[in-house]
Amino acid sequence: MASPDPAMLTLIDETLSNIPEDWGMITVDTANKELIMNPDLILIDVRRAEEVQKTGIITGALNIPLEEFIARKTEWPADKATKIVIYCSGGHRSTIAMTILWSYGYRDVRSLIS
């Protein structure tokens, strides 16, 4: 497994420290409505494989565990304007993944909250 880039971790920490409360978040209800209106919305599950095996995955979602997220960036949408919703089991990892995508130039990325 690749080691995290210290500069990237610093950038993520700075970004997370400066975003307003609820910025980039989306509720389950809103995400469901958006999926109906935009079936091309990309869902990314950043939970580990054993979590997905235990509880399942939303149909059509990509599973890219946070620990592998940057190493597997070739699986991210090529179009940085793509609407993306990221989720995990509690919101922390999805917020980190959202911030990583923002740092790579993706702008329509939100983290699913319960």
C-alpha atoms as a PDB file:
ATOM      1  CA  MET A   1       0.000   0.000   0.000  1.00  0.00           C
ATOM      2  CA  ALA A   2       1.295   3.450  -0.889  1.00  0.00           C
ATOM      3  CA  SER A   3       2.208   5.862   1.880  1.00  0.00           C
ATOM      4  CA  PRO A   4       0.238   9.099   2.046  1.00  0.00           C
ATOM      5  CA  ASP A   5       1.933  12.132   0.562  1.00  0.00           C
ATOM      6  CA  PRO A   6       2.685  14.511   3.479  1.00  0.00           C
ATOM      7  CA  ALA A   7       2.086  17.569   1.291  1.00  0.00           C
ATOM      8  CA  MET A   8      -1.315  16.200   0.274  1.00  0.00           C
ATOM      9  CA  LEU A   9      -2.208  15.515   3.904  1.00  0.00           C
ATOM     10  CA  THR A  10      -1.282  19.096   4.792  1.00  0.00           C
ATOM     11  CA  LEU A  11      -3.396  20.420   1.916  1.00  0.00           C
ATOM     12  CA  ILE A  12      -6.347  18.280   2.999  1.00  0.00           C
ATOM     13  CA  ASP A  13      -6.005  19.424   6.604  1.00  0.00           C
ATOM     14  CA  GLU A  14      -5.866  23.090   5.562  1.00  0.00           C
ATOM     15  CA  THR A  15      -8.849  22.673   3.249  1.00  0.00           C
ATOM     16  CA  LEU A  16     -10.952  20.907   5.875  1.00  0.00           C
ATOM     17  CA  SER A  17     -10.059  23.515   8.477  1.00  0.00           C
ATOM     18  CA  ASN A  18     -11.337  26.338   6.287  1.00  0.00           C
ATOM     19  CA  ILE A  19     -14.625  25.053   4.924  1.00  0.00           C
ATOM     20  CA  PRO A  20     -17.896  26.258   6.433  1.00  0.00           C
ATOM     21  CA  GLU A  21     -20.095  23.858   8.374  1.00  0.00           C
ATOM     22  CA  ASP A  22     -22.254  21.695   6.064  1.00  0.00           C
ATOM     23  CA  TRP A  23     -20.291  22.824   2.996  1.00  0.00           C
ATOM     24  CA  GLY A  24     -20.224  20.044   0.437  1.00  0.00           C
ATOM     25  CA  MET A  25     -22.667  17.867   2.331  1.00  0.00           C
ATOM     26  CA  ILE A  26     -25.770  16.227   0.901  1.00  0.00           C
ATOM     27  CA  THR A  27     -28.533  14.441   2.763  1.00  0.00           C
ATOM     28  CA  VAL A  28     -29.865  11.026   1.817  1.00  0.00           C
ATOM     29  CA  ASP A  29     -33.210  12.535   0.776  1.00  0.00           C
ATOM     30  CA  THR A  30     -31.578  15.129  -1.458  1.00  0.00           C
ATOM     31  CA  ALA A  31     -29.236  12.535  -2.965  1.00  0.00           C
ATOM     32  CA  ASN A  32     -32.197  10.273  -3.753  1.00  0.00           C
ATOM     33  CA  LYS A  33     -33.999  13.139  -5.492  1.00  0.00           C
ATOM     34  CA  GLU A  34     -30.884  14.040  -7.459  1.00  0.00           C
ATOM     35  CA  LEU A  35     -30.382  10.421  -8.532  1.00  0.00           C
ATOM     36  CA  ILE A  36     -33.917  10.372  -9.922  1.00  0.00           C
ATOM     37  CA  MET A  37     -33.342  13.632 -11.792  1.00  0.00           C
ATOM     38  CA  ASN A  38     -29.782  12.775 -12.845  1.00  0.00           C
ATOM     39  CA  PRO A  39     -29.132   9.048 -13.213  1.00  0.00           C
ATOM     40  CA  ASP A  40     -25.585   9.914 -14.371  1.00  0.00           C
ATOM     41  CA  LEU A  41     -24.719  11.098 -10.865  1.00  0.00           C
ATOM     42  CA  ILE A  42     -21.641   9.163  -9.757  1.00  0.00           C
ATOM     43  CA  LEU A  43     -21.705   7.482  -6.355  1.00  0.00           C
ATOM     44  CA  ILE A  44     -18.407   6.488  -4.786  1.00  0.00           C
ATOM     45  CA  ASP A  45     -18.316   4.300  -1.689  1.00  0.00           C
ATOM     46  CA  VAL A  46     -15.024   4.775   0.175  1.00  0.00           C
ATOM     47  CA  ARG A  47     -15.555   1.989   2.711  1.00  0.00           C
ATOM     48  CA  ARG A  48     -13.199  -0.978   2.928  1.00  0.00           C
ATOM     49  CA  ALA A  49     -14.102  -4.172   1.068  1.00  0.00           C
ATOM     50  CA  GLU A  50     -15.014  -6.021   4.261  1.00  0.00           C
ATOM     51  CA  GLU A  51     -17.506  -3.284   5.165  1.00  0.00           C
ATOM     52  CA  VAL A  52     -19.099  -3.499   1.731  1.00  0.00           C
ATOM     53  CA  GLN A  53     -19.306  -7.293   2.006  1.00  0.00           C
ATOM     54  CA  LYS A  54     -20.994  -6.999   5.377  1.00  0.00           C
ATOM     55  CA  THR A  55     -23.584  -4.329   4.564  1.00  0.00           C
ATOM     56  CA  GLY A  56     -23.720  -4.141   0.770  1.00  0.00           C
ATOM     57  CA  ILE A  57     -23.278  -1.253  -1.623  1.00  0.00           C
ATOM     58  CA  ILE A  58     -25.683   1.115  -3.337  1.00  0.00           C
ATOM     59  CA  THR A  59     -26.470  -0.273  -6.787  1.00  0.00           C
ATOM     60  CA  GLY A  60     -24.265   1.380  -9.377  1.00  0.00           C
ATOM     61  CA  ALA A  61     -21.792   2.850  -6.889  1.00  0.00           C
ATOM     62  CA  LEU A  62     -18.049   2.501  -7.337  1.00  0.00           C
ATOM     63  CA  ASN A  63     -16.152   1.102  -4.376  1.00  0.00           C
ATOM     64  CA  ILE A  64     -12.800   2.818  -3.976  1.00  0.00           C
ATOM     65  CA  PRO A  65     -11.647   2.470  -0.361  1.00  0.00           C
ATOM     66  CA  LEU A  66     -10.220   5.675   1.055  1.00  0.00           C
ATOM     67  CA  GLU A  67      -6.909   3.938   1.737  1.00  0.00           C
ATOM     68  CA  GLU A  68      -6.585   3.333  -2.024  1.00  0.00           C
ATOM     69  CA  PHE A  69      -8.336   6.468  -3.234  1.00  0.00           C
ATOM     70  CA  ILE A  70      -5.437   8.391  -4.767  1.00  0.00           C
ATOM     71  CA  ALA A  71      -3.689   5.257  -6.031  1.00  0.00           C
ATOM     72  CA  ARG A  72      -6.878   4.402  -7.940  1.00  0.00           C
ATOM     73  CA  LYS A  73      -7.524   7.871  -9.365  1.00  0.00           C
ATOM     74  CA  THR A  74      -7.731   6.386 -12.869  1.00  0.00           C
ATOM     75  CA  GLU A  75     -11.170   5.151 -11.772  1.00  0.00           C
ATOM     76  CA  TRP A  76     -12.378   8.674 -10.993  1.00  0.00           C
ATOM     77  CA  PRO A  77     -14.563  10.320 -13.644  1.00  0.00           C
ATOM     78  CA  ALA A  78     -12.477  11.908 -16.396  1.00  0.00           C
ATOM     79  CA  ASP A  79     -14.762  14.952 -16.548  1.00  0.00           C
ATOM     80  CA  LYS A  80     -14.045  17.124 -13.514  1.00  0.00           C
ATOM     81  CA  ALA A  81     -17.494  18.717 -13.850  1.00  0.00           C
ATOM     82  CA  THR A  82     -19.192  15.378 -13.148  1.00  0.00           C
ATOM     83  CA  LYS A  83     -21.617  15.397 -10.228  1.00  0.00           C
ATOM     84  CA  ILE A  84     -20.234  13.061  -7.569  1.00  0.00           C
ATOM     85  CA  VAL A  85     -21.584  11.930  -4.202  1.00  0.00           C
ATOM     86  CA  ILE A  86     -19.193  10.107  -1.913  1.00  0.00           C
ATOM     87  CA  TYR A  87     -20.257   8.032   1.052  1.00  0.00           C
ATOM     88  CA  CYS A  88     -18.900   5.829   3.817  1.00  0.00           C
ATOM     89  CA  SER A  89     -20.334   4.581   7.088  1.00  0.00           C
ATOM     90  CA  GLY A  90     -20.111   7.782   9.088  1.00  0.00           C
ATOM     91  CA  GLY A  91     -19.103  10.696   6.884  1.00  0.00           C
ATOM     92  CA  HIS A  92     -15.496  11.220   7.927  1.00  0.00           C
ATOM     93  CA  ARG A  93     -13.841   9.205   5.159  1.00  0.00           C
ATOM     94  CA  SER A  94     -16.239  10.512   2.526  1.00  0.00           C
ATOM     95  CA  THR A  95     -15.386  14.077   3.547  1.00  0.00           C
ATOM     96  CA  ILE A  96     -11.685  13.308   3.185  1.00  0.00           C
ATOM     97  CA  ALA A  97     -12.278  11.775  -0.264  1.00  0.00           C
ATOM     98  CA  MET A  98     -14.408  14.777  -1.249  1.00  0.00           C
ATOM     99  CA  THR A  99     -11.569  17.080  -0.242  1.00  0.00           C
ATOM    100  CA  ILE A 100      -9.078  15.025  -2.222  1.00  0.00           C
ATOM    101  CA  LEU A 101     -11.260  15.342  -5.318  1.00  0.00           C
ATOM    102  CA  TRP A 102     -11.587  19.094  -4.751  1.00  0.00           C
ATOM    103  CA  SER A 103      -7.799  19.344  -4.550  1.00  0.00           C
ATOM    104  CA  TYR A 104      -7.600  17.604  -7.939  1.00  0.00           C
ATOM    105  CA  GLY A 105      -9.966  20.133  -9.506  1.00  0.00           C
ATOM    106  CA  TYR A 106     -13.337  18.398  -9.167  1.00  0.00           C
ATOM    107  CA  ARG A 107     -15.950  20.948  -8.121  1.00  0.00           C
ATOM    108  CA  ASP A 108     -19.329  19.228  -7.916  1.00  0.00           C
ATOM    109  CA  VAL A 109     -18.500  16.728  -5.196  1.00  0.00           C
ATOM    110  CA  ARG A 110     -20.499  16.202  -2.041  1.00  0.00           C
ATOM    111  CA  SER A 111     -20.278  13.943   0.972  1.00  0.00           C
ATOM    112  CA  LEU A 112     -23.393  12.018   1.982  1.00  0.00           C
ATOM    113  CA  ILE A 113     -24.609  12.606   5.525  1.00  0.00           C
ATOM    114  CA  SER A 114     -27.349  10.778   7.389  1.00  0.00           C
END
